[in-house]
Amino acid sequence: MFGAIFNIFFPKVCYSCMNVLADGEETLCTDCRHNLPITQFHFNNDNSVEKIFYGRVKIENATALLRFEKKGITQKLIHQLKYKGQEPIGIFLGDWLGGDLQALDAYKTVDVVIPVPLHKAKLKKRGYNQVSKFGIQLAEALQASYIDDVLIKITKTNSQVSKNRLSRWNDSNTIFSIQNLEKINGKHILIVDDIITTGSTMEACVNLLLSAKNVKISIAVMAIA
């Protein structure tokens, strides 16, 4: 009864269109969910994400759940997640992609899920890593460990949005470090992030993780731009 009264005054709304959610709807309304630009890469053997890394770094598998388009639903969701504290979006996307990947042999061997980290200053200011909930849900679906103290961001950087590919690569090549390698030696690692564009940030992270012994690395992101 209290919950019903609470919802009258503070109704749950869709994180995309901001309309009030109907009974049975969570995070997104039915219309917005049906309009999500889903890639289906992992089901269609589409290697669009892998192609970004050809000749740059060795990975096992790579996928993205959604396509990122300016002013589209995906952009609205990630903006709400990243800047408005709406962490349920990360859980929603992680559950969705986790449900997909747990049915695929290529991802059943994943032992560890690692998020692309935030610098400690940005983490303190924002209060959370927008990728954490996403990664935790993926780890749960794949029966893997979630580890966030191996890959560390050591240099604070500005937004990558306005930078060209070379600038992103130069920045990403010097801002991460690695520790506690014993936790990942011999493991199949799934590294996760929100958006992949040029792949420079992910490339830098993968190269560091490959310094561990006998590791395999796959990639999963919320969206590909």
Protein backbone atom coordinates (compact mmCIF):
# COMPACT_ATOMS: atom_id res chain seq x y z
CA MET A 1 0.00 0.00 0.00
CA PHE A 2 2.82 2.38 0.91
CA GLY A 3 4.56 1.52 -2.36
CA ALA A 4 1.42 2.29 -4.36
CA ILE A 5 1.02 5.65 -2.64
CA PHE A 6 4.72 6.46 -3.16
CA ASN A 7 4.41 5.70 -6.88
CA ILE A 8 1.49 8.11 -7.19
CA PHE A 9 3.65 11.02 -6.02
CA PHE A 10 7.00 9.76 -7.34
CA PRO A 11 6.18 7.59 -10.36
CA LYS A 12 8.87 5.59 -12.12
CA VAL A 13 9.65 7.01 -15.54
CA CYS A 14 11.34 5.72 -18.67
CA TYR A 15 14.99 6.79 -18.72
CA SER A 16 14.71 7.59 -22.43
CA CYS A 17 11.39 9.35 -23.11
CA MET A 18 10.69 10.22 -19.42
CA ASN A 19 7.08 9.01 -19.69
CA VAL A 20 5.60 7.23 -16.67
CA LEU A 21 6.22 3.48 -16.78
CA ALA A 22 3.25 1.16 -16.87
CA ASP A 23 2.88 -1.82 -14.54
CA GLY A 24 5.42 -4.47 -15.45
CA GLU A 25 7.79 -2.03 -17.17
CA GLU A 26 11.24 -1.40 -15.72
CA THR A 27 13.92 1.11 -16.75
CA LEU A 28 12.47 1.63 -20.25
CA CYS A 29 8.93 1.79 -21.55
CA THR A 30 7.88 -0.84 -24.07
CA ASP A 31 8.07 1.58 -27.00
CA CYS A 32 11.61 2.73 -26.23
CA ARG A 33 12.77 -0.81 -25.61
CA HIS A 34 11.47 -1.92 -29.00
CA ASN A 35 13.21 1.04 -30.63
CA LEU A 36 16.62 0.34 -29.14
CA PRO A 37 19.24 -0.06 -31.93
CA ILE A 38 20.37 -3.56 -30.95
CA THR A 39 23.39 -4.86 -32.88
CA GLN A 40 22.98 -8.65 -32.51
CA PHE A 41 26.72 -8.90 -33.32
CA HIS A 42 27.31 -11.90 -31.08
CA PHE A 43 24.40 -13.84 -32.53
CA ASN A 44 25.15 -13.01 -36.17
CA ASN A 45 28.89 -13.71 -36.03
CA ASP A 46 29.41 -10.06 -36.94
CA ASN A 47 32.95 -9.01 -36.09
CA SER A 48 32.44 -5.24 -36.39
CA VAL A 49 33.95 -4.65 -32.96
CA GLU A 50 36.84 -7.04 -33.56
CA LYS A 51 37.70 -5.23 -36.81
CA ILE A 52 38.54 -2.11 -34.83
CA PHE A 53 41.51 -3.98 -33.34
CA TYR A 54 42.83 -5.79 -36.43
CA GLY A 55 46.60 -5.37 -36.54
CA ARG A 56 46.59 -3.50 -33.24
CA VAL A 57 46.07 -6.00 -30.44
CA LYS A 58 45.05 -9.65 -30.11
CA ILE A 59 41.59 -10.40 -28.74
CA GLU A 60 39.45 -13.51 -28.65
CA ASN A 61 35.92 -12.15 -29.05
CA ALA A 62 34.27 -8.74 -29.01
CA THR A 63 30.72 -7.42 -29.04
CA ALA A 64 28.53 -4.40 -28.39
CA LEU A 65 24.91 -4.54 -27.30
CA LEU A 66 23.71 -1.30 -28.93
CA ARG A 67 24.58 1.20 -31.64
CA PHE A 68 25.32 4.73 -30.46
CA GLU A 69 23.72 7.48 -32.52
CA LYS A 70 23.67 11.19 -31.72
CA LYS A 71 20.38 12.20 -30.11
CA GLY A 72 19.27 8.56 -30.17
CA ILE A 73 17.94 6.37 -27.36
CA THR A 74 21.37 4.90 -26.61
CA GLN A 75 22.90 8.34 -26.12
CA LYS A 76 20.08 9.33 -23.76
CA LEU A 77 20.54 6.16 -21.71
CA ILE A 78 24.30 6.49 -21.38
CA HIS A 79 23.99 10.20 -20.52
CA GLN A 80 21.53 9.32 -17.74
CA LEU A 81 23.86 6.57 -16.51
CA LYS A 82 27.08 8.54 -16.73
CA TYR A 83 26.04 12.00 -15.54
CA LYS A 84 22.70 11.65 -13.73
CA GLY A 85 23.51 8.78 -11.38
CA GLN A 86 21.00 6.39 -12.92
CA GLU A 87 22.90 3.18 -12.21
CA PRO A 88 19.85 0.93 -12.80
CA ILE A 89 20.57 1.49 -16.51
CA GLY A 90 23.89 -0.32 -16.10
CA ILE A 91 22.11 -3.21 -14.40
CA PHE A 92 19.48 -3.32 -17.15
CA LEU A 93 22.06 -3.40 -19.96
CA GLY A 94 24.30 -5.86 -18.11
CA ASP A 95 21.42 -8.26 -17.51
CA TRP A 96 20.41 -8.03 -21.15
CA LEU A 97 23.87 -8.64 -22.62
CA GLY A 98 24.71 -11.20 -19.93
CA GLY A 99 21.63 -13.21 -20.86
CA ASP A 100 22.78 -13.20 -24.48
CA LEU A 101 26.42 -14.13 -23.83
CA GLN A 102 25.78 -16.91 -21.33
CA ALA A 103 24.24 -18.94 -24.17
CA LEU A 104 27.32 -18.65 -26.41
CA ASP A 105 30.28 -21.04 -26.20
CA ALA A 106 32.75 -18.24 -26.99
CA TYR A 107 31.95 -16.51 -23.70
CA LYS A 108 31.34 -19.52 -21.45
CA THR A 109 35.08 -19.73 -20.72
CA VAL A 110 35.30 -16.18 -19.33
CA ASP A 111 36.86 -16.32 -15.84
CA VAL A 112 37.16 -12.64 -14.94
CA VAL A 113 35.30 -9.44 -15.80
CA ILE A 114 37.31 -6.21 -15.53
CA PRO A 115 35.91 -2.68 -16.08
CA VAL A 116 37.78 0.12 -17.79
CA PRO A 117 38.63 2.19 -14.69
CA LEU A 118 38.00 5.81 -13.76
CA HIS A 119 40.70 8.02 -12.28
CA LYS A 120 40.30 8.21 -8.49
CA ALA A 121 39.53 11.95 -8.65
CA LYS A 122 36.71 11.46 -11.13
CA LEU A 123 35.47 8.43 -9.20
CA LYS A 124 35.33 10.51 -6.03
CA LYS A 125 33.48 13.33 -7.79
CA ARG A 126 30.97 11.10 -9.60
CA GLY A 127 30.67 8.57 -6.80
CA TYR A 128 30.66 5.52 -9.05
CA ASN A 129 32.14 4.01 -12.20
CA GLN A 130 29.34 3.95 -14.78
CA VAL A 131 30.60 0.59 -16.04
CA SER A 132 30.60 -1.19 -12.65
CA LYS A 133 26.98 -2.36 -12.50
CA PHE A 134 27.14 -3.43 -16.14
CA GLY A 135 30.27 -5.48 -15.46
CA ILE A 136 28.93 -7.01 -12.25
CA GLN A 137 25.79 -8.24 -14.02
CA LEU A 138 27.87 -9.71 -16.84
CA ALA A 139 30.10 -11.48 -14.34
CA GLU A 140 27.08 -12.93 -12.56
CA ALA A 141 25.56 -14.18 -15.82
CA LEU A 142 28.84 -15.77 -16.91
CA GLN A 143 29.62 -17.15 -13.44
CA ALA A 144 32.88 -15.19 -13.49
CA SER A 145 34.68 -13.04 -10.94
CA TYR A 146 34.37 -9.26 -11.06
CA ILE A 147 37.73 -7.62 -10.33
CA ASP A 148 38.29 -3.85 -10.26
CA ASP A 149 41.72 -3.61 -8.60
CA VAL A 150 43.94 -4.91 -11.41
CA LEU A 151 43.56 -2.22 -14.05
CA ILE A 152 44.14 1.29 -12.66
CA LYS A 153 43.81 4.73 -14.23
CA ILE A 154 46.77 6.79 -13.06
CA THR A 155 46.36 10.01 -15.08
CA LYS A 156 43.30 12.22 -15.06
CA THR A 157 42.15 13.08 -18.59
CA ASN A 158 39.58 15.36 -20.12
CA SER A 159 36.68 14.13 -22.24
CA GLN A 160 37.72 12.16 -25.31
CA VAL A 161 34.72 13.28 -27.35
CA SER A 162 36.32 16.15 -29.26
CA LYS A 163 39.70 14.49 -29.80
CA ASN A 164 40.86 12.87 -33.02
CA ARG A 165 42.08 9.29 -33.21
CA LEU A 166 45.79 10.15 -32.83
CA SER A 167 45.17 12.34 -29.79
CA ARG A 168 43.07 9.62 -28.15
CA TRP A 169 45.80 7.04 -28.79
CA ASN A 170 48.54 9.26 -27.34
CA ASP A 171 46.46 9.94 -24.21
CA SER A 172 45.33 6.36 -23.68
CA ASN A 173 48.84 5.02 -24.08
CA THR A 174 50.03 6.68 -20.88
CA ILE A 175 47.10 6.86 -18.46
CA PHE A 176 46.66 3.28 -17.23
CA SER A 177 48.68 0.94 -15.08
CA ILE A 178 48.32 -2.62 -13.86
CA GLN A 179 48.75 -4.37 -10.50
CA ASN A 180 47.87 -7.66 -8.77
CA LEU A 181 48.72 -9.68 -11.89
CA GLU A 182 48.48 -12.91 -9.90
CA LYS A 183 44.69 -12.49 -9.91
CA ILE A 184 44.46 -12.80 -13.69
CA ASN A 185 47.32 -15.11 -14.70
CA GLY A 186 45.99 -17.95 -16.85
CA LYS A 187 42.50 -16.40 -17.09
CA HIS A 188 40.09 -15.55 -19.89
CA ILE A 189 39.35 -11.88 -19.21
CA LEU A 190 36.30 -9.95 -20.38
CA ILE A 191 37.03 -6.23 -20.30
CA VAL A 192 33.97 -3.97 -20.32
CA ASP A 193 33.24 -0.31 -21.08
CA ASP A 194 30.31 1.93 -22.00
CA ILE A 195 31.13 3.15 -25.55
CA ILE A 196 33.77 2.13 -28.06
CA THR A 197 34.72 4.57 -30.81
CA THR A 198 38.30 4.43 -32.08
CA GLY A 199 39.23 1.68 -29.62
CA SER A 200 42.28 3.55 -28.33
CA THR A 201 41.33 3.36 -24.66
CA MET A 202 40.47 -0.32 -24.91
CA GLU A 203 43.67 -1.04 -26.84
CA ALA A 204 45.78 0.49 -24.08
CA CYS A 205 43.95 -1.55 -21.43
CA VAL A 206 44.24 -4.80 -23.39
CA ASN A 207 47.97 -4.31 -23.94
CA LEU A 208 48.51 -3.95 -20.20
CA LEU A 209 46.39 -7.00 -19.38
CA LEU A 210 48.37 -9.04 -21.91
CA SER A 211 51.44 -8.54 -19.73
CA ALA A 212 49.98 -11.17 -17.39
CA LYS A 213 50.87 -14.81 -18.00
CA ASN A 214 48.86 -16.92 -20.43
CA VAL A 215 45.76 -14.72 -20.60
CA LYS A 216 43.04 -14.47 -23.21
CA ILE A 217 41.05 -11.26 -23.59
CA SER A 218 37.57 -10.57 -24.92
CA ILE A 219 35.63 -7.31 -25.03
CA ALA A 220 32.03 -6.36 -24.31
CA VAL A 221 30.65 -2.82 -24.38
CA MET A 222 27.27 -1.22 -24.01
CA ALA A 223 27.47 0.54 -27.36
CA ILE A 224 29.55 1.07 -30.48
CA ALA A 225 29.71 4.50 -32.10
